[in-house]
C-alpha atoms as a PDB file:
ATOM      1  CA  MET A   1      19.556  19.961  -1.632  1.00  0.00           C
ATOM      2  CA  PHE A   2      17.083  16.999  -1.561  1.00  0.00           C
ATOM      3  CA  LEU A   3      15.892  15.007  -4.528  1.00  0.00           C
ATOM      4  CA  ALA A   4      12.322  14.202  -3.809  1.00  0.00           C
ATOM      5  CA  TYR A   5       9.143  13.176  -5.849  1.00  0.00           C
ATOM      6  CA  CYS A   6       5.712  14.774  -5.306  1.00  0.00           C
ATOM      7  CA  ASP A   7       2.716  12.546  -5.658  1.00  0.00           C
ATOM      8  CA  SER A   8       0.328  15.774  -5.910  1.00  0.00           C
ATOM      9  CA  CYS A   9       2.507  17.413  -8.520  1.00  0.00           C
ATOM     10  CA  GLY A  10       3.588  14.195 -10.287  1.00  0.00           C
ATOM     11  CA  GLU A  11       6.945  15.554 -10.638  1.00  0.00           C
ATOM     12  CA  ARG A  12      10.694  15.118  -9.092  1.00  0.00           C
ATOM     13  CA  PHE A  13      12.300  18.440  -7.436  1.00  0.00           C
ATOM     14  CA  LEU A  14      15.540  19.315  -6.386  1.00  0.00           C
ATOM     15  CA  LEU A  15      14.608  21.069  -2.922  1.00  0.00           C
ATOM     16  CA  PRO A  16      17.039  23.217  -0.897  1.00  0.00           C
ATOM     17  CA  ALA A  17      17.459  22.957   2.768  1.00  0.00           C
ATOM     18  CA  ASN A  18      14.895  25.893   3.524  1.00  0.00           C
ATOM     19  CA  HIS A  19      12.059  23.339   2.033  1.00  0.00           C
ATOM     20  CA  VAL A  20      12.765  20.880   4.873  1.00  0.00           C
ATOM     21  CA  ILE A  21       9.714  21.015   7.740  1.00  0.00           C
ATOM     22  CA  ARG A  22      11.479  18.523  10.043  1.00  0.00           C
ATOM     23  CA  VAL A  23      13.698  15.800  10.533  1.00  0.00           C
ATOM     24  CA  HIS A  24      12.829  12.382  12.459  1.00  0.00           C
ATOM     25  CA  ASN A  25      15.396   9.956  13.685  1.00  0.00           C
ATOM     26  CA  LEU A  26      13.058   6.884  13.179  1.00  0.00           C
ATOM     27  CA  ALA A  27      15.556   4.105  14.299  1.00  0.00           C
ATOM     28  CA  SER A  28      19.189   3.309  14.128  1.00  0.00           C
ATOM     29  CA  GLY A  29      20.060   4.125  10.574  1.00  0.00           C
ATOM     30  CA  VAL A  30      16.739   5.439   9.148  1.00  0.00           C
ATOM     31  CA  ILE A  31      15.805   9.025   8.980  1.00  0.00           C
ATOM     32  CA  ALA A  32      12.781  10.576   7.645  1.00  0.00           C
ATOM     33  CA  VAL A  33      12.937  14.064   6.369  1.00  0.00           C
ATOM     34  CA  GLU A  34       9.766  15.975   5.932  1.00  0.00           C
ATOM     35  CA  LEU A  35       9.716  18.592   2.996  1.00  0.00           C
ATOM     36  CA  ARG A  36       7.603  20.939   1.131  1.00  0.00           C
ATOM     37  CA  CYS A  37       7.369  21.065  -2.536  1.00  0.00           C
ATOM     38  CA  TYR A  38       7.335  24.232  -4.483  1.00  0.00           C
ATOM     39  CA  GLU A  39       3.567  24.045  -4.545  1.00  0.00           C
ATOM     40  CA  GLY A  40       3.266  23.636  -0.789  1.00  0.00           C
ATOM     41  CA  HIS A  41       2.566  19.858  -0.848  1.00  0.00           C
ATOM     42  CA  ARG A  42       4.260  17.669   1.814  1.00  0.00           C
ATOM     43  CA  ILE A  43       6.898  15.065   0.837  1.00  0.00           C
ATOM     44  CA  LEU A  44       8.234  12.403   3.069  1.00  0.00           C
ATOM     45  CA  VAL A  45      11.827  11.053   1.922  1.00  0.00           C
ATOM     46  CA  LEU A  46      13.761   8.205   3.905  1.00  0.00           C
ATOM     47  CA  SER A  47      17.096   8.052   4.115  1.00  0.00           C
ATOM     48  CA  GLY A  48      19.981   6.081   6.068  1.00  0.00           C
ATOM     49  CA  ASN A  49      22.151   3.102   6.061  1.00  0.00           C
ATOM     50  CA  ASP A  50      19.321   0.606   7.134  1.00  0.00           C
ATOM     51  CA  ILE A  51      16.745   1.542   4.195  1.00  0.00           C
ATOM     52  CA  ASP A  52      16.113  -1.521   1.738  1.00  0.00           C
ATOM     53  CA  ILE A  53      16.133   0.337  -1.646  1.00  0.00           C
ATOM     54  CA  GLN A  54      18.918   1.793  -3.284  1.00  0.00           C
ATOM     55  CA  GLY A  55      19.215   5.639  -3.556  1.00  0.00           C
ATOM     56  CA  PRO A  56      16.878   8.062  -1.968  1.00  0.00           C
ATOM     57  CA  ALA A  57      13.368   6.950  -1.227  1.00  0.00           C
ATOM     58  CA  THR A  58      10.372   9.032  -1.465  1.00  0.00           C
ATOM     59  CA  VAL A  59       7.127   7.558   0.234  1.00  0.00           C
END
């Protein structure tokens, strides 16, 4: 499960793994997960040890 905020919907969603479009390893310690919200909008969630902000980050 992923907690993600969709700018288009203006809502936060708890999304299951079947909403993952793809996963990118951007750099050592930084992972980008592309998700699709329930309305079909794309969401990018950054995760990993080298993210400068606390908790899951949605950009």
